[in-house]
Amino acid sequence: MYAKFMVKLATLKSDAGASMVEYALLVVLIAIVAITAVTLAGKEVSSTFSEIGSALK
């Protein structure tokens, strides 16, 4: 029983955990870039719409 458990544990210690961490880091990096881009573009778009609104009055 112990030997089966150790074999099962050894198969779990594969590169799958490392790959998961790498994918998680990529997702976090992409999220940071996306949030930054939306924040910067949002300010630009907001000021452009404000200018257009002021010009229409």
Protein backbone atom coordinates (compact mmCIF):
# COMPACT_ATOMS: atom_id res chain seq x y z
CA MET A 1 0.00 0.00 0.00
CA TYR A 2 2.79 2.41 0.93
CA ALA A 3 4.68 1.62 -2.26
CA LYS A 4 1.60 2.38 -4.38
CA PHE A 5 1.19 5.67 -2.55
CA MET A 6 4.83 6.62 -3.16
CA VAL A 7 4.54 5.76 -6.86
CA LYS A 8 1.39 7.87 -7.09
CA LEU A 9 3.12 10.72 -5.26
CA ALA A 10 6.13 10.51 -7.56
CA THR A 11 3.91 10.82 -10.62
CA LEU A 12 2.26 13.91 -9.16
CA LYS A 13 5.64 15.61 -8.82
CA SER A 14 5.91 16.22 -12.52
CA ASP A 15 6.31 19.40 -14.52
CA ALA A 16 2.57 20.02 -14.48
CA GLY A 17 2.87 22.14 -11.35
CA ALA A 18 5.63 24.26 -12.83
CA SER A 19 3.65 24.74 -16.02
CA MET A 20 0.61 25.80 -14.04
CA VAL A 21 2.66 28.40 -12.20
CA GLU A 22 4.05 29.71 -15.49
CA TYR A 23 0.56 29.98 -16.98
CA ALA A 24 -0.68 31.75 -13.86
CA LEU A 25 2.17 34.26 -14.10
CA LEU A 26 1.37 34.86 -17.77
CA VAL A 27 -2.29 35.46 -16.95
CA VAL A 28 -1.35 37.94 -14.23
CA LEU A 29 1.05 39.76 -16.55
CA ILE A 30 -1.55 39.96 -19.32
CA ALA A 31 -4.14 41.22 -16.82
CA ILE A 32 -1.79 43.95 -15.60
CA VAL A 33 -1.07 45.06 -19.17
CA ALA A 34 -4.78 45.03 -20.05
CA ILE A 35 -5.78 47.02 -16.97
CA THR A 36 -3.05 49.57 -17.63
CA ALA A 37 -4.05 49.91 -21.28
CA VAL A 38 -7.73 50.35 -20.42
CA THR A 39 -6.90 52.90 -17.75
CA LEU A 40 -4.72 54.96 -20.06
CA ALA A 41 -7.09 54.68 -23.02
CA GLY A 42 -10.04 55.47 -20.76
CA LYS A 43 -8.53 58.80 -19.78
CA GLU A 44 -7.86 59.67 -23.42
CA VAL A 45 -11.34 58.68 -24.53
CA SER A 46 -12.93 60.54 -21.64
CA SER A 47 -11.10 63.75 -22.49
CA THR A 48 -11.96 63.37 -26.18
CA PHE A 49 -15.66 62.93 -25.41
CA SER A 50 -15.52 65.93 -23.08
CA GLU A 51 -14.04 68.07 -25.85
CA ILE A 52 -16.69 66.88 -28.30
CA GLY A 53 -19.46 67.55 -25.78
CA SER A 54 -18.15 71.04 -25.10
CA ALA A 55 -17.90 71.77 -28.82
CA LEU A 56 -21.52 70.69 -29.39
CA LYS A 57 -22.89 73.09 -26.77
